[in-house]
Amino acid sequence: MTYQEIIEKIKPELDKAINFLEGELQKIKTGRASISLVENIQVECFGQKFTLKQLATISLSGARQISIQPWDKSYVEPIEKAIEKSNLGTNPIADKETIRLSFPQLSEEYREDLIRVISAKMEDARKTIRRWREKAWDEIQEKFKSGEIREDDKFHGKDKLQELIDEYNKKIEEMAGRKKKEITET
């Protein structure tokens, strides 16, 4: 096994860390309405659980309002209950066939809290990336000790591994930076 194969082997895990962070950041409310805030809310309907997107059409009606149109009138009440339990920080307003959610302007204190949460999630993603870097580096060193990798390749591997890790850390910075900007500008 070459150092390139060892590095390639960890890429899917690094991608998982990035995708997980992206999902976590999407869940953070910025004062702007976003369909991703509600589409996966679990709704109990007819003794089964469904995601909201399975029961209704979800659309934005302005920067701070989400409109939910259930496909059947009987879904309105279960959807309202699920939204109330979801800790979105807003109460659903139902009128016959539509449910509306309005999101208030963020207070400065709440913005600071959200930025701290983003920083913590960012650090968790970095820790995961570091853990995979350590695992790959340990494997490269083991292969060197057993004679499967030459000394030059060991150091090339270390450099290539660091380049990959830097690339993923940059992605983390960019994603978190966009979310922080979204919070400070709303």
Protein backbone atom coordinates (compact mmCIF):
# COMPACT_ATOMS: atom_id res chain seq x y z
CA MET A 1 0.00 0.00 0.00
CA THR A 2 1.38 3.41 -0.95
CA TYR A 3 1.02 6.66 0.95
CA GLN A 4 -1.37 7.87 -1.79
CA GLU A 5 -3.70 4.94 -1.11
CA ILE A 6 -3.62 5.64 2.62
CA ILE A 7 -4.53 9.29 1.99
CA GLU A 8 -7.27 8.36 -0.52
CA LYS A 9 -8.73 5.97 2.05
CA ILE A 10 -9.48 8.79 4.53
CA LYS A 11 -11.05 11.21 2.00
CA PRO A 12 -14.59 9.75 2.34
CA GLU A 13 -14.36 10.19 6.12
CA LEU A 14 -13.24 13.79 5.72
CA ASP A 15 -16.15 14.38 3.33
CA LYS A 16 -18.53 12.93 5.93
CA ALA A 17 -17.21 15.42 8.51
CA ILE A 18 -17.77 18.31 6.09
CA ASN A 19 -21.28 17.11 5.17
CA PHE A 20 -22.19 16.69 8.83
CA LEU A 21 -21.00 20.21 9.62
CA GLU A 22 -22.97 21.57 6.67
CA GLY A 23 -26.13 19.87 7.97
CA GLU A 24 -25.56 21.20 11.47
CA LEU A 25 -25.02 24.74 10.20
CA GLN A 26 -28.22 24.60 8.15
CA LYS A 27 -30.17 23.90 11.34
CA ILE A 28 -29.00 27.14 12.94
CA LYS A 29 -31.59 29.89 12.66
CA THR A 30 -30.27 33.17 11.36
CA GLY A 31 -33.42 35.25 11.56
CA ARG A 32 -33.92 34.48 7.91
CA ALA A 33 -36.50 31.89 7.02
CA SER A 34 -35.13 28.76 5.41
CA ILE A 35 -36.96 25.65 4.31
CA SER A 36 -34.16 23.51 5.81
CA LEU A 37 -35.28 24.67 9.27
CA VAL A 38 -38.56 22.78 9.02
CA GLU A 39 -38.47 20.21 6.21
CA ASN A 40 -37.20 17.37 8.41
CA ILE A 41 -39.41 18.01 11.46
CA GLN A 42 -40.98 14.71 12.47
CA VAL A 43 -44.80 14.79 12.36
CA GLU A 44 -46.89 12.09 13.98
CA CYS A 45 -49.84 11.41 11.71
CA PHE A 46 -52.15 8.36 11.70
CA GLY A 47 -49.89 6.53 14.15
CA GLN A 48 -46.80 6.93 11.98
CA LYS A 49 -43.98 9.45 11.79
CA PHE A 50 -43.39 11.45 8.63
CA THR A 51 -41.08 14.32 7.83
CA LEU A 52 -42.88 17.59 7.17
CA LYS A 53 -41.73 17.59 3.54
CA GLN A 54 -43.60 14.28 3.07
CA LEU A 55 -46.90 15.87 4.16
CA ALA A 56 -46.83 19.39 2.76
CA THR A 57 -45.46 21.88 0.30
CA ILE A 58 -43.04 24.24 2.05
CA SER A 59 -42.21 27.63 0.59
CA LEU A 60 -40.76 30.98 1.59
CA SER A 61 -43.09 33.96 1.67
CA GLY A 62 -40.60 36.72 2.46
CA ALA A 63 -37.24 36.79 4.21
CA ARG A 64 -38.74 35.95 7.61
CA GLN A 65 -41.75 33.80 6.82
CA ILE A 66 -42.33 30.18 5.83
CA SER A 67 -45.60 28.99 4.36
CA ILE A 68 -46.62 25.34 4.77
CA GLN A 69 -49.47 23.93 2.71
CA PRO A 70 -50.45 20.41 3.83
CA TRP A 71 -51.66 18.12 1.07
CA ASP A 72 -54.65 17.18 3.21
CA LYS A 73 -56.58 19.32 5.74
CA SER A 74 -56.31 16.53 8.31
CA TYR A 75 -52.53 17.12 8.46
CA VAL A 76 -52.83 20.71 9.72
CA GLU A 77 -53.23 19.92 13.43
CA PRO A 78 -50.45 17.26 13.63
CA ILE A 79 -48.10 19.59 11.75
CA GLU A 80 -48.87 22.46 14.15
CA LYS A 81 -48.16 20.22 17.15
CA ALA A 82 -44.88 19.00 15.67
CA ILE A 83 -43.73 22.57 14.97
CA GLU A 84 -44.62 23.68 18.51
CA LYS A 85 -42.54 20.80 19.94
CA SER A 86 -39.58 21.48 17.63
CA ASN A 87 -38.10 24.45 19.56
CA LEU A 88 -38.01 26.67 16.49
CA GLY A 89 -38.69 29.71 18.61
CA THR A 90 -41.82 30.61 16.66
CA ASN A 91 -45.46 29.62 16.91
CA PRO A 92 -47.35 28.32 13.89
CA ILE A 93 -50.35 30.31 12.72
CA ALA A 94 -52.91 28.20 10.86
CA ASP A 95 -55.69 29.50 8.64
CA LYS A 96 -57.82 26.73 7.09
CA GLU A 97 -55.32 25.15 4.68
CA THR A 98 -52.05 27.01 5.31
CA ILE A 99 -49.67 27.23 8.25
CA ARG A 100 -47.40 30.26 8.52
CA LEU A 101 -44.24 30.64 10.56
CA SER A 102 -42.77 34.09 11.18
CA PHE A 103 -39.22 34.51 12.45
CA PRO A 104 -38.38 37.60 14.52
CA GLN A 105 -35.31 39.79 14.11
CA LEU A 106 -32.33 38.42 16.08
CA SER A 107 -31.17 40.23 19.21
CA GLU A 108 -27.45 41.06 19.51
CA GLU A 109 -27.08 38.69 22.47
CA TYR A 110 -28.68 35.83 20.53
CA ARG A 111 -26.40 36.52 17.54
CA GLU A 112 -23.36 36.19 19.82
CA ASP A 113 -24.72 32.90 21.18
CA LEU A 114 -25.21 31.58 17.66
CA ILE A 115 -21.67 32.54 16.69
CA ARG A 116 -20.37 30.64 19.73
CA VAL A 117 -22.41 27.59 18.68
CA ILE A 118 -21.00 27.81 15.14
CA SER A 119 -17.46 28.06 16.52
CA ALA A 120 -18.03 24.96 18.67
CA LYS A 121 -19.41 22.98 15.71
CA MET A 122 -16.49 24.17 13.62
CA GLU A 123 -14.02 22.96 16.27
CA ASP A 124 -15.77 19.57 16.43
CA ALA A 125 -15.33 19.20 12.67
CA ARG A 126 -11.66 20.17 12.96
CA LYS A 127 -11.14 17.56 15.69
CA THR A 128 -12.61 14.90 13.43
CA ILE A 129 -10.32 15.99 10.59
CA ARG A 130 -7.30 15.94 12.94
CA ARG A 131 -8.23 12.45 14.16
CA TRP A 132 -8.25 11.15 10.59
CA ARG A 133 -4.96 12.90 9.85
CA GLU A 134 -3.38 11.18 12.87
CA LYS A 135 -4.75 7.81 11.79
CA ALA A 136 -3.36 8.20 8.25
CA TRP A 137 0.01 9.46 9.51
CA ASP A 138 0.30 6.55 11.95
CA GLU A 139 -0.44 4.13 9.11
CA ILE A 140 2.18 5.77 6.87
CA GLN A 141 4.75 5.47 9.67
CA GLU A 142 3.85 1.81 10.24
CA LYS A 143 4.32 1.07 6.54
CA PHE A 144 7.70 2.84 6.68
CA LYS A 145 8.81 0.81 9.71
CA SER A 146 7.77 -2.44 8.03
CA GLY A 147 9.69 -1.46 4.89
CA GLU A 148 6.64 -1.13 2.64
CA ILE A 149 7.22 2.62 2.14
CA ARG A 150 10.57 4.31 1.51
CA GLU A 151 11.71 7.21 3.70
CA ASP A 152 11.25 9.72 0.85
CA ASP A 153 7.68 8.51 0.34
CA LYS A 154 7.02 8.80 4.06
CA PHE A 155 7.86 12.51 3.95
CA HIS A 156 6.04 13.05 0.65
CA GLY A 157 3.06 11.35 2.28
CA LYS A 158 3.27 13.66 5.27
CA ASP A 159 3.32 16.74 3.00
CA LYS A 160 0.43 15.48 0.82
CA LEU A 161 -1.57 14.56 3.89
CA GLN A 162 -1.08 18.03 5.35
CA GLU A 163 -2.12 19.62 2.03
CA LEU A 164 -5.34 17.59 2.10
CA ILE A 165 -6.04 18.48 5.73
CA ASP A 166 -5.41 22.17 4.99
CA GLU A 167 -7.88 21.97 2.11
CA TYR A 168 -10.58 20.51 4.37
CA ASN A 169 -9.87 23.01 7.15
CA LYS A 170 -10.27 25.78 4.59
CA LYS A 171 -13.69 24.34 3.63
CA ILE A 172 -14.68 24.37 7.31
CA GLU A 173 -13.57 28.01 7.66
CA GLU A 174 -15.49 29.05 4.54
CA MET A 175 -18.71 27.30 5.58
CA ALA A 176 -18.61 28.72 9.10
CA GLY A 177 -17.63 32.16 7.78
CA ARG A 178 -20.67 32.23 5.47
CA LYS A 179 -22.98 31.24 8.33
CA LYS A 180 -21.47 33.83 10.69
CA LYS A 181 -21.87 36.50 8.01
CA GLU A 182 -25.49 35.45 7.51
CA ILE A 183 -26.10 35.90 11.24
CA THR A 184 -24.43 39.27 11.55
CA GLU A 185 -26.15 40.69 8.46
CA THR A 186 -29.76 39.77 9.33
